[in-house]
Amino acid sequence: MSVDAATGVVTLHPTEPGERDLRFTVTDGRAATDVRVHLTVRPHGAPIGEKVEAEAYVAQHGWAEGGADFVENTPSASGGRDVGWTAPGKWPRYRLDVASPGTYDLELRVANGTGADAPGAVSVRDAADRTLATVSVPDTGGWASYRSVHASVVLDAGPQDITVYCETGGFNLDYFRLTG
């Protein structure tokens, strides 16, 4: 938060979605009054072309709240962290802002240290839970040895949520990116 001393304009930079009630005291040096403001934060989604770090989820299912048991510090991951401990039925959800409808290349940066390929390990779903693509995760030679896998997805224009659904688990997710 910053305040312009000359104009009194308050600028907020919220990073977490949700509802907040704020209280400000406004004064001219002699008298003061309290002002209350209700703030609803709805962050914009990532635009097409931007790398979306796995730990930048807006919701998740199957792991403990707070991400401590699945957001891992991994120096070989971009940004230094990944989402791990995947298992069937777990999912992180991400918010996107799609400027134009169309077919996009989905890149998932994954690692698989199980010693075997994971066929159909990931499905990517829209907000209505429709499967947009299913991706296999190859054996990459280690839990921190990342490789990109690709699939095509058709997206409408506008803000939307995308879920990376763990069909089988057994992989780590570093990031994903959509390109047109």
N, C-alpha and C. Protein backbone atom coordinates (compact mmCIF):
# COMPACT_ATOMS: atom_id res chain seq x y z
N MET A 1 0.85 -1.16 0.00
CA MET A 1 0.00 0.00 0.00
C MET A 1 0.89 1.23 0.00
N SER A 2 0.48 2.21 -0.76
CA SER A 2 1.20 3.48 -0.75
C SER A 2 0.19 4.63 -0.69
N VAL A 3 0.64 5.75 -0.13
CA VAL A 3 -0.20 6.94 -0.02
C VAL A 3 0.56 8.11 -0.62
N ASP A 4 -0.08 8.81 -1.55
CA ASP A 4 0.50 10.02 -2.12
C ASP A 4 0.22 11.16 -1.14
N ALA A 5 1.25 11.69 -0.51
CA ALA A 5 1.09 12.71 0.52
C ALA A 5 0.45 13.98 -0.01
N ALA A 6 0.67 14.31 -1.27
CA ALA A 6 0.12 15.54 -1.83
C ALA A 6 -1.37 15.42 -2.13
N THR A 7 -1.79 14.27 -2.63
CA THR A 7 -3.19 14.11 -3.05
C THR A 7 -4.01 13.27 -2.09
N GLY A 8 -3.35 12.47 -1.25
CA GLY A 8 -4.06 11.58 -0.35
C GLY A 8 -4.56 10.31 -1.03
N VAL A 9 -4.16 10.08 -2.27
CA VAL A 9 -4.60 8.89 -3.00
C VAL A 9 -3.89 7.67 -2.41
N VAL A 10 -4.70 6.67 -2.07
CA VAL A 10 -4.19 5.41 -1.52
C VAL A 10 -4.18 4.39 -2.64
N THR A 11 -3.04 3.73 -2.84
CA THR A 11 -2.92 2.69 -3.85
C THR A 11 -2.65 1.36 -3.17
N LEU A 12 -3.49 0.37 -3.48
CA LEU A 12 -3.34 -0.96 -2.92
C LEU A 12 -2.87 -1.90 -4.01
N HIS A 13 -2.08 -2.89 -3.64
CA HIS A 13 -1.59 -3.91 -4.57
C HIS A 13 -1.90 -5.28 -3.98
N PRO A 14 -3.19 -5.66 -3.92
CA PRO A 14 -3.51 -6.96 -3.32
C PRO A 14 -3.03 -8.11 -4.19
N THR A 15 -2.60 -9.18 -3.55
CA THR A 15 -2.12 -10.35 -4.29
C THR A 15 -2.97 -11.58 -4.04
N GLU A 16 -3.80 -11.55 -3.01
CA GLU A 16 -4.64 -12.69 -2.68
C GLU A 16 -6.09 -12.36 -2.99
N PRO A 17 -6.80 -13.27 -3.68
CA PRO A 17 -8.22 -13.04 -3.93
C PRO A 17 -9.02 -13.11 -2.64
N GLY A 18 -10.16 -12.41 -2.62
CA GLY A 18 -11.04 -12.49 -1.46
C GLY A 18 -11.66 -11.15 -1.13
N GLU A 19 -12.35 -11.14 0.00
CA GLU A 19 -13.05 -9.95 0.49
C GLU A 19 -12.29 -9.39 1.68
N ARG A 20 -12.20 -8.06 1.74
CA ARG A 20 -11.54 -7.42 2.87
C ARG A 20 -12.29 -6.14 3.24
N ASP A 21 -12.33 -5.84 4.52
CA ASP A 21 -12.87 -4.57 4.99
C ASP A 21 -11.70 -3.74 5.49
N LEU A 22 -11.55 -2.56 4.93
CA LEU A 22 -10.44 -1.68 5.27
C LEU A 22 -10.96 -0.47 6.03
N ARG A 23 -10.15 0.04 6.96
CA ARG A 23 -10.50 1.23 7.71
C ARG A 23 -9.37 2.24 7.56
N PHE A 24 -9.73 3.44 7.15
CA PHE A 24 -8.75 4.52 6.99
C PHE A 24 -9.14 5.66 7.91
N THR A 25 -8.15 6.29 8.47
CA THR A 25 -8.38 7.51 9.23
C THR A 25 -7.91 8.67 8.37
N VAL A 26 -8.84 9.58 8.10
CA VAL A 26 -8.55 10.74 7.26
C VAL A 26 -8.48 11.96 8.17
N THR A 27 -7.41 12.72 8.02
CA THR A 27 -7.23 13.87 8.91
C THR A 27 -6.62 15.05 8.15
N ASP A 28 -6.94 16.23 8.62
CA ASP A 28 -6.30 17.43 8.09
C ASP A 28 -5.33 18.01 9.12
N GLY A 29 -5.08 17.27 10.17
CA GLY A 29 -4.17 17.72 11.23
C GLY A 29 -4.91 18.24 12.44
N ARG A 30 -6.17 18.66 12.27
CA ARG A 30 -6.95 19.16 13.41
C ARG A 30 -8.11 18.24 13.74
N ALA A 31 -8.77 17.73 12.71
CA ALA A 31 -9.92 16.83 12.93
C ALA A 31 -9.66 15.53 12.16
N ALA A 32 -10.32 14.49 12.59
CA ALA A 32 -10.13 13.20 11.92
C ALA A 32 -11.48 12.48 11.82
N THR A 33 -11.58 11.67 10.81
CA THR A 33 -12.76 10.83 10.65
C THR A 33 -12.33 9.47 10.10
N ASP A 34 -13.07 8.44 10.46
CA ASP A 34 -12.78 7.11 9.95
C ASP A 34 -13.63 6.85 8.71
N VAL A 35 -12.99 6.23 7.73
CA VAL A 35 -13.67 5.83 6.50
C VAL A 35 -13.49 4.33 6.36
N ARG A 36 -14.58 3.64 6.07
CA ARG A 36 -14.52 2.19 5.88
C ARG A 36 -14.79 1.88 4.41
N VAL A 37 -14.00 0.95 3.90
CA VAL A 37 -14.10 0.56 2.49
C VAL A 37 -14.14 -0.97 2.43
N HIS A 38 -15.08 -1.50 1.68
CA HIS A 38 -15.13 -2.95 1.44
C HIS A 38 -14.44 -3.20 0.10
N LEU A 39 -13.48 -4.12 0.11
CA LEU A 39 -12.68 -4.41 -1.08
C LEU A 39 -12.88 -5.86 -1.49
N THR A 40 -13.19 -6.07 -2.76
CA THR A 40 -13.27 -7.41 -3.33
C THR A 40 -12.14 -7.54 -4.34
N VAL A 41 -11.27 -8.52 -4.12
CA VAL A 41 -10.12 -8.72 -5.00
C VAL A 41 -10.40 -9.91 -5.91
N ARG A 42 -10.41 -9.63 -7.20
CA ARG A 42 -10.54 -10.67 -8.21
C ARG A 42 -9.39 -10.49 -9.19
N PRO A 43 -8.29 -11.18 -8.94
CA PRO A 43 -7.12 -10.98 -9.79
C PRO A 43 -7.36 -11.44 -11.22
N HIS A 44 -6.72 -10.76 -12.14
CA HIS A 44 -6.76 -11.16 -13.54
C HIS A 44 -5.96 -12.43 -13.72
N GLY A 45 -6.32 -13.18 -14.73
CA GLY A 45 -5.59 -14.39 -15.03
C GLY A 45 -4.33 -14.11 -15.83
N ALA A 46 -3.53 -15.13 -15.96
CA ALA A 46 -2.30 -15.02 -16.76
C ALA A 46 -2.68 -14.95 -18.23
N PRO A 47 -2.06 -14.06 -19.00
CA PRO A 47 -2.35 -13.99 -20.43
C PRO A 47 -1.69 -15.15 -21.19
N ILE A 48 -2.22 -15.44 -22.35
CA ILE A 48 -1.64 -16.46 -23.22
C ILE A 48 -0.19 -16.08 -23.49
N GLY A 49 0.70 -17.06 -23.44
CA GLY A 49 2.12 -16.83 -23.68
C GLY A 49 2.93 -16.71 -22.40
N GLU A 50 2.28 -16.41 -21.29
CA GLU A 50 3.00 -16.26 -20.03
C GLU A 50 3.21 -17.62 -19.37
N LYS A 51 4.39 -17.82 -18.84
CA LYS A 51 4.69 -19.03 -18.08
C LYS A 51 3.97 -18.93 -16.74
N VAL A 52 3.19 -19.97 -16.41
CA VAL A 52 2.45 -19.98 -15.15
C VAL A 52 3.11 -21.01 -14.24
N GLU A 53 3.74 -20.53 -13.19
CA GLU A 53 4.42 -21.41 -12.24
C GLU A 53 3.41 -22.30 -11.55
N ALA A 54 3.73 -23.56 -11.34
CA ALA A 54 2.81 -24.52 -10.75
C ALA A 54 2.31 -24.07 -9.38
N GLU A 55 3.15 -23.41 -8.62
CA GLU A 55 2.78 -22.99 -7.27
C GLU A 55 1.88 -21.75 -7.26
N ALA A 56 1.56 -21.18 -8.43
CA ALA A 56 0.72 -19.99 -8.54
C ALA A 56 -0.76 -20.36 -8.68
N TYR A 57 -1.16 -21.49 -8.13
CA TYR A 57 -2.54 -21.94 -8.22
C TYR A 57 -3.47 -20.98 -7.46
N VAL A 58 -4.76 -20.93 -7.88
CA VAL A 58 -5.76 -20.13 -7.18
C VAL A 58 -6.64 -21.01 -6.29
N ALA A 59 -6.61 -22.31 -6.53
CA ALA A 59 -7.32 -23.28 -5.70
C ALA A 59 -6.64 -24.62 -5.89
N GLN A 60 -6.88 -25.55 -4.95
CA GLN A 60 -6.31 -26.89 -5.07
C GLN A 60 -7.20 -27.86 -4.31
N HIS A 61 -7.04 -29.13 -4.64
CA HIS A 61 -7.79 -30.18 -3.96
C HIS A 61 -6.87 -31.39 -3.76
N GLY A 62 -6.92 -31.97 -2.57
CA GLY A 62 -6.20 -33.21 -2.30
C GLY A 62 -4.97 -33.06 -1.45
N TRP A 63 -4.47 -31.86 -1.29
CA TRP A 63 -3.31 -31.60 -0.44
C TRP A 63 -3.76 -30.77 0.75
N ALA A 64 -2.96 -30.71 1.80
CA ALA A 64 -3.28 -29.87 2.96
C ALA A 64 -3.27 -28.40 2.55
N GLU A 65 -4.09 -27.60 3.20
CA GLU A 65 -4.12 -26.17 2.92
C GLU A 65 -2.76 -25.54 3.17
N GLY A 66 -2.42 -24.55 2.38
CA GLY A 66 -1.17 -23.84 2.55
C GLY A 66 -0.05 -24.33 1.66
N GLY A 67 -0.19 -25.50 1.08
CA GLY A 67 0.78 -25.99 0.12
C GLY A 67 2.06 -26.54 0.69
N ALA A 68 2.20 -26.60 2.01
CA ALA A 68 3.47 -27.03 2.59
C ALA A 68 3.81 -28.48 2.26
N ASP A 69 2.82 -29.30 1.99
CA ASP A 69 3.11 -30.70 1.72
C ASP A 69 3.22 -31.01 0.24
N PHE A 70 3.08 -30.02 -0.63
CA PHE A 70 3.21 -30.31 -2.05
C PHE A 70 3.92 -29.25 -2.86
N VAL A 71 4.08 -28.05 -2.36
CA VAL A 71 4.91 -27.06 -3.04
C VAL A 71 6.32 -27.26 -2.52
N GLU A 72 7.18 -27.77 -3.41
CA GLU A 72 8.53 -28.16 -3.01
C GLU A 72 9.56 -27.14 -3.48
N ASN A 73 10.57 -26.91 -2.67
CA ASN A 73 11.72 -26.13 -3.10
C ASN A 73 12.60 -27.05 -3.94
N THR A 74 12.81 -26.67 -5.19
CA THR A 74 13.58 -27.49 -6.12
C THR A 74 14.44 -26.55 -6.96
N PRO A 75 15.74 -26.49 -6.71
CA PRO A 75 16.60 -25.56 -7.44
C PRO A 75 16.56 -25.72 -8.96
N SER A 76 16.28 -26.92 -9.45
CA SER A 76 16.27 -27.13 -10.90
C SER A 76 14.97 -26.68 -11.56
N ALA A 77 13.95 -26.36 -10.77
CA ALA A 77 12.68 -25.87 -11.32
C ALA A 77 12.80 -24.38 -11.60
N SER A 78 12.10 -23.92 -12.64
CA SER A 78 12.06 -22.48 -12.88
C SER A 78 11.37 -21.84 -11.69
N GLY A 79 11.88 -20.76 -11.19
CA GLY A 79 11.31 -20.14 -10.01
C GLY A 79 11.69 -20.83 -8.71
N GLY A 80 12.41 -21.97 -8.80
CA GLY A 80 12.91 -22.64 -7.62
C GLY A 80 11.91 -23.50 -6.86
N ARG A 81 10.68 -23.66 -7.41
CA ARG A 81 9.68 -24.48 -6.72
C ARG A 81 8.86 -25.25 -7.74
N ASP A 82 8.24 -26.34 -7.28
CA ASP A 82 7.34 -27.12 -8.12
C ASP A 82 6.18 -27.62 -7.28
N VAL A 83 5.22 -28.27 -7.93
CA VAL A 83 4.14 -28.96 -7.25
C VAL A 83 4.43 -30.45 -7.37
N GLY A 84 4.54 -31.13 -6.24
CA GLY A 84 4.85 -32.55 -6.23
C GLY A 84 3.85 -33.33 -5.41
N TRP A 85 4.20 -34.57 -5.11
CA TRP A 85 3.35 -35.47 -4.35
C TRP A 85 1.98 -35.61 -5.01
N THR A 86 2.01 -35.71 -6.35
CA THR A 86 0.78 -35.87 -7.10
C THR A 86 0.23 -37.29 -6.90
N ALA A 87 -1.08 -37.40 -6.96
CA ALA A 87 -1.77 -38.69 -6.82
C ALA A 87 -3.13 -38.55 -7.50
N PRO A 88 -3.74 -39.67 -7.88
CA PRO A 88 -5.04 -39.60 -8.56
C PRO A 88 -6.07 -38.77 -7.78
N GLY A 89 -6.74 -37.87 -8.51
CA GLY A 89 -7.78 -37.04 -7.92
C GLY A 89 -7.33 -35.71 -7.38
N LYS A 90 -6.03 -35.50 -7.24
CA LYS A 90 -5.54 -34.20 -6.77
C LYS A 90 -5.49 -33.23 -7.94
N TRP A 91 -5.66 -31.94 -7.66
CA TRP A 91 -5.58 -30.95 -8.73
C TRP A 91 -5.29 -29.55 -8.20
N PRO A 92 -4.46 -28.80 -8.92
CA PRO A 92 -4.37 -27.36 -8.72
C PRO A 92 -5.14 -26.66 -9.86
N ARG A 93 -5.70 -25.49 -9.56
CA ARG A 93 -6.46 -24.71 -10.55
C ARG A 93 -5.76 -23.37 -10.76
N TYR A 94 -5.82 -22.91 -11.99
CA TYR A 94 -5.14 -21.68 -12.38
C TYR A 94 -6.11 -20.78 -13.14
N ARG A 95 -5.89 -19.47 -13.05
CA ARG A 95 -6.73 -18.50 -13.74
C ARG A 95 -5.99 -17.97 -14.96
N LEU A 96 -6.71 -17.95 -16.10
CA LEU A 96 -6.16 -17.46 -17.36
C LEU A 96 -7.00 -16.33 -17.90
N ASP A 97 -6.41 -15.50 -18.73
CA ASP A 97 -7.13 -14.46 -19.46
C ASP A 97 -6.82 -14.67 -20.93
N VAL A 98 -7.78 -15.20 -21.67
CA VAL A 98 -7.59 -15.56 -23.07
C VAL A 98 -8.13 -14.43 -23.94
N ALA A 99 -7.25 -13.75 -24.68
CA ALA A 99 -7.65 -12.60 -25.49
C ALA A 99 -8.49 -13.00 -26.70
N SER A 100 -8.16 -14.10 -27.34
CA SER A 100 -8.85 -14.52 -28.57
C SER A 100 -9.17 -16.00 -28.51
N PRO A 101 -10.34 -16.40 -28.99
CA PRO A 101 -10.64 -17.83 -29.02
C PRO A 101 -9.72 -18.53 -30.02
N GLY A 102 -9.44 -19.80 -29.77
CA GLY A 102 -8.60 -20.52 -30.73
C GLY A 102 -8.01 -21.78 -30.17
N THR A 103 -7.18 -22.41 -30.99
CA THR A 103 -6.46 -23.60 -30.59
C THR A 103 -5.07 -23.18 -30.13
N TYR A 104 -4.69 -23.63 -28.95
CA TYR A 104 -3.43 -23.24 -28.34
C TYR A 104 -2.59 -24.47 -28.04
N ASP A 105 -1.27 -24.28 -28.09
CA ASP A 105 -0.33 -25.32 -27.67
C ASP A 105 -0.16 -25.21 -26.16
N LEU A 106 -0.42 -26.29 -25.47
CA LEU A 106 -0.22 -26.36 -24.04
C LEU A 106 1.10 -27.06 -23.77
N GLU A 107 1.99 -26.38 -23.10
CA GLU A 107 3.27 -26.97 -22.67
C GLU A 107 3.19 -27.19 -21.17
N LEU A 108 3.40 -28.41 -20.73
CA LEU A 108 3.53 -28.73 -19.32
C LEU A 108 4.98 -29.14 -19.08
N ARG A 109 5.62 -28.50 -18.13
CA ARG A 109 7.00 -28.84 -17.78
C ARG A 109 6.94 -29.77 -16.57
N VAL A 110 7.33 -31.03 -16.78
CA VAL A 110 7.12 -32.08 -15.78
C VAL A 110 8.40 -32.86 -15.51
N ALA A 111 8.43 -33.52 -14.36
CA ALA A 111 9.51 -34.44 -14.01
C ALA A 111 8.87 -35.72 -13.47
N ASN A 112 9.49 -36.85 -13.81
CA ASN A 112 8.98 -38.15 -13.39
C ASN A 112 10.18 -39.01 -13.01
N GLY A 113 10.29 -39.31 -11.73
CA GLY A 113 11.41 -40.11 -11.25
C GLY A 113 11.01 -41.52 -10.85
N THR A 114 9.88 -42.01 -11.36
CA THR A 114 9.42 -43.34 -10.97
C THR A 114 10.16 -44.46 -11.68
N GLY A 115 10.83 -44.13 -12.79
CA GLY A 115 11.49 -45.16 -13.59
C GLY A 115 10.61 -45.73 -14.68
N ALA A 116 9.38 -45.22 -14.81
CA ALA A 116 8.46 -45.69 -15.84
C ALA A 116 7.63 -44.53 -16.36
N ASP A 117 7.21 -44.62 -17.62
CA ASP A 117 6.30 -43.62 -18.19
C ASP A 117 4.98 -43.66 -17.43
N ALA A 118 4.27 -42.52 -17.42
CA ALA A 118 2.95 -42.43 -16.79
C ALA A 118 1.94 -42.06 -17.88
N PRO A 119 1.38 -43.06 -18.58
CA PRO A 119 0.43 -42.76 -19.66
C PRO A 119 -0.84 -42.11 -19.11
N GLY A 120 -1.31 -41.06 -19.81
CA GLY A 120 -2.53 -40.39 -19.41
C GLY A 120 -2.50 -39.83 -18.00
N ALA A 121 -1.34 -39.38 -17.55
CA ALA A 121 -1.16 -38.95 -16.16
C ALA A 121 -1.91 -37.67 -15.81
N VAL A 122 -2.10 -36.78 -16.80
CA VAL A 122 -2.67 -35.47 -16.53
C VAL A 122 -3.80 -35.20 -17.51
N SER A 123 -4.91 -34.69 -16.98
CA SER A 123 -5.91 -34.12 -17.87
C SER A 123 -6.02 -32.64 -17.52
N VAL A 124 -6.21 -31.84 -18.53
CA VAL A 124 -6.40 -30.40 -18.34
C VAL A 124 -7.88 -30.14 -18.59
N ARG A 125 -8.53 -29.50 -17.60
CA ARG A 125 -9.98 -29.34 -17.63
C ARG A 125 -10.39 -27.88 -17.53
N ASP A 126 -11.55 -27.58 -18.10
CA ASP A 126 -12.08 -26.22 -18.00
C ASP A 126 -12.93 -26.09 -16.74
N ALA A 127 -13.55 -24.92 -16.56
CA ALA A 127 -14.33 -24.65 -15.35
C ALA A 127 -15.55 -25.55 -15.22
N ALA A 128 -16.05 -26.09 -16.34
CA ALA A 128 -17.20 -27.01 -16.31
C ALA A 128 -16.74 -28.46 -16.14
N ASP A 129 -15.47 -28.67 -15.89
CA ASP A 129 -14.85 -29.99 -15.68
C ASP A 129 -14.80 -30.83 -16.96
N ARG A 130 -14.87 -30.17 -18.11
CA ARG A 130 -14.70 -30.87 -19.39
C ARG A 130 -13.22 -31.03 -19.67
N THR A 131 -12.83 -32.21 -20.11
CA THR A 131 -11.42 -32.46 -20.42
C THR A 131 -11.06 -31.80 -21.73
N LEU A 132 -10.05 -30.93 -21.69
CA LEU A 132 -9.56 -30.23 -22.88
C LEU A 132 -8.42 -31.00 -23.53
N ALA A 133 -7.64 -31.71 -22.73
CA ALA A 133 -6.50 -32.49 -23.24
C ALA A 133 -6.06 -33.47 -22.17
N THR A 134 -5.49 -34.57 -22.61
CA THR A 134 -4.88 -35.54 -21.71
C THR A 134 -3.44 -35.72 -22.15
N VAL A 135 -2.53 -35.73 -21.18
CA VAL A 135 -1.10 -35.76 -21.46
C VAL A 135 -0.45 -36.89 -20.69
N SER A 136 0.44 -37.62 -21.36
CA SER A 136 1.26 -38.63 -20.70
C SER A 136 2.55 -37.97 -20.21
N VAL A 137 3.08 -38.48 -19.12
CA VAL A 137 4.33 -37.95 -18.56
C VAL A 137 5.39 -39.04 -18.70
N PRO A 138 6.41 -38.79 -19.52
CA PRO A 138 7.46 -39.80 -19.70
C PRO A 138 8.37 -39.87 -18.48
N ASP A 139 9.07 -40.98 -18.36
CA ASP A 139 10.12 -41.08 -17.35
C ASP A 139 11.20 -40.07 -17.74
N THR A 140 11.48 -39.11 -16.88
CA THR A 140 12.47 -38.07 -17.20
C THR A 140 13.81 -38.34 -16.55
N GLY A 141 13.91 -39.42 -15.78
CA GLY A 141 15.19 -39.77 -15.18
C GLY A 141 15.40 -39.22 -13.79
N GLY A 142 14.41 -38.54 -13.22
CA GLY A 142 14.55 -38.02 -11.86
C GLY A 142 13.46 -37.03 -11.52
N TRP A 143 13.24 -36.84 -10.23
CA TRP A 143 12.18 -35.94 -9.77
C TRP A 143 12.50 -34.48 -10.04
N ALA A 144 13.73 -34.15 -10.35
CA ALA A 144 14.11 -32.78 -10.65
C ALA A 144 14.66 -32.65 -12.07
N SER A 145 14.41 -33.67 -12.90
CA SER A 145 14.83 -33.64 -14.32
C SER A 145 13.59 -33.34 -15.16
N TYR A 146 13.45 -32.08 -15.52
CA TYR A 146 12.22 -31.63 -16.18
C TYR A 146 12.28 -31.77 -17.69
N ARG A 147 11.13 -32.06 -18.26
CA ARG A 147 10.97 -32.15 -19.70
C ARG A 147 9.60 -31.57 -20.05
N SER A 148 9.50 -30.95 -21.21
CA SER A 148 8.22 -30.39 -21.66
C SER A 148 7.44 -31.43 -22.44
N VAL A 149 6.15 -31.53 -22.14
CA VAL A 149 5.21 -32.33 -22.92
C VAL A 149 4.16 -31.37 -23.45
N HIS A 150 3.58 -31.70 -24.61
CA HIS A 150 2.67 -30.76 -25.28
C HIS A 150 1.35 -31.42 -25.65
N ALA A 151 0.31 -30.59 -25.74
CA ALA A 151 -1.00 -31.00 -26.23
C ALA A 151 -1.68 -29.76 -26.79
N SER A 152 -2.65 -29.95 -27.65
CA SER A 152 -3.46 -28.84 -28.18
C SER A 152 -4.74 -28.72 -27.37
N VAL A 153 -5.11 -27.48 -27.07
CA VAL A 153 -6.37 -27.21 -26.38
C VAL A 153 -7.12 -26.10 -27.11
N VAL A 154 -8.44 -26.20 -27.13
CA VAL A 154 -9.29 -25.17 -27.74
C VAL A 154 -9.90 -24.38 -26.60
N LEU A 155 -9.71 -23.04 -26.64
CA LEU A 155 -10.19 -22.16 -25.58
C LEU A 155 -11.05 -21.05 -26.15
N ASP A 156 -12.09 -20.68 -25.41
CA ASP A 156 -12.88 -19.50 -25.73
C ASP A 156 -12.14 -18.27 -25.25
N ALA A 157 -12.56 -17.11 -25.70
CA ALA A 157 -11.98 -15.86 -25.23
C ALA A 157 -12.54 -15.52 -23.86
N GLY A 158 -11.76 -14.81 -23.08
CA GLY A 158 -12.22 -14.32 -21.79
C GLY A 158 -11.51 -14.94 -20.62
N PRO A 159 -11.86 -14.48 -19.42
CA PRO A 159 -11.25 -15.04 -18.22
C PRO A 159 -11.78 -16.45 -17.99
N GLN A 160 -10.92 -17.34 -17.56
CA GLN A 160 -11.33 -18.70 -17.29
C GLN A 160 -10.36 -19.41 -16.37
N ASP A 161 -10.88 -20.45 -15.75
CA ASP A 161 -10.06 -21.28 -14.87
C ASP A 161 -9.73 -22.58 -15.58
N ILE A 162 -8.48 -23.01 -15.41
CA ILE A 162 -7.98 -24.26 -15.98
C ILE A 162 -7.49 -25.12 -14.81
N THR A 163 -7.90 -26.38 -14.81
CA THR A 163 -7.47 -27.31 -13.77
C THR A 163 -6.51 -28.33 -14.35
N VAL A 164 -5.39 -28.54 -13.68
CA VAL A 164 -4.44 -29.60 -14.03
C VAL A 164 -4.78 -30.77 -13.12
N TYR A 165 -5.51 -31.73 -13.66
CA TYR A 165 -6.06 -32.83 -12.88
C TYR A 165 -5.12 -34.03 -12.93
N CYS A 166 -4.75 -34.54 -11.78
CA CYS A 166 -3.87 -35.71 -11.69
C CYS A 166 -4.69 -36.97 -11.89
N GLU A 167 -4.55 -37.58 -13.05
CA GLU A 167 -5.26 -38.83 -13.33
C GLU A 167 -4.55 -40.00 -12.64
N THR A 168 -3.21 -39.99 -12.69
CA THR A 168 -2.46 -41.09 -12.09
C THR A 168 -1.48 -40.62 -11.03
N GLY A 169 -0.99 -39.42 -11.11
CA GLY A 169 0.04 -38.97 -10.20
C GLY A 169 1.40 -39.49 -10.64
N GLY A 170 2.38 -39.39 -9.73
CA GLY A 170 3.72 -39.86 -10.03
C GLY A 170 4.54 -38.90 -10.87
N PHE A 171 4.31 -37.60 -10.71
CA PHE A 171 5.09 -36.61 -11.45
C PHE A 171 5.14 -35.32 -10.65
N ASN A 172 6.09 -34.47 -10.99
CA ASN A 172 6.18 -33.12 -10.46
C ASN A 172 5.86 -32.15 -11.58
N LEU A 173 5.17 -31.05 -11.26
CA LEU A 173 4.84 -30.02 -12.24
C LEU A 173 5.61 -28.76 -11.91
N ASP A 174 6.41 -28.29 -12.88
CA ASP A 174 7.19 -27.06 -12.72
C ASP A 174 6.36 -25.85 -13.15
N TYR A 175 5.84 -25.89 -14.38
CA TYR A 175 5.02 -24.80 -14.89
C TYR A 175 4.23 -25.29 -16.09
N PHE A 176 3.32 -24.42 -16.56
CA PHE A 176 2.68 -24.65 -17.85
C PHE A 176 2.63 -23.33 -18.59
N ARG A 177 2.45 -23.43 -19.91
CA ARG A 177 2.36 -22.24 -20.76
C ARG A 177 1.47 -22.58 -21.94
N LEU A 178 0.63 -21.62 -22.32
CA LEU A 178 -0.19 -21.73 -23.52
C LEU A 178 0.32 -20.74 -24.54
N THR A 179 0.52 -21.20 -25.76
CA THR A 179 0.94 -20.31 -26.84
C THR A 179 0.05 -20.53 -28.05
N GLY A 180 -0.13 -19.48 -28.84
CA GLY A 180 -1.01 -19.56 -30.01
C GLY A 180 -0.26 -19.71 -31.28
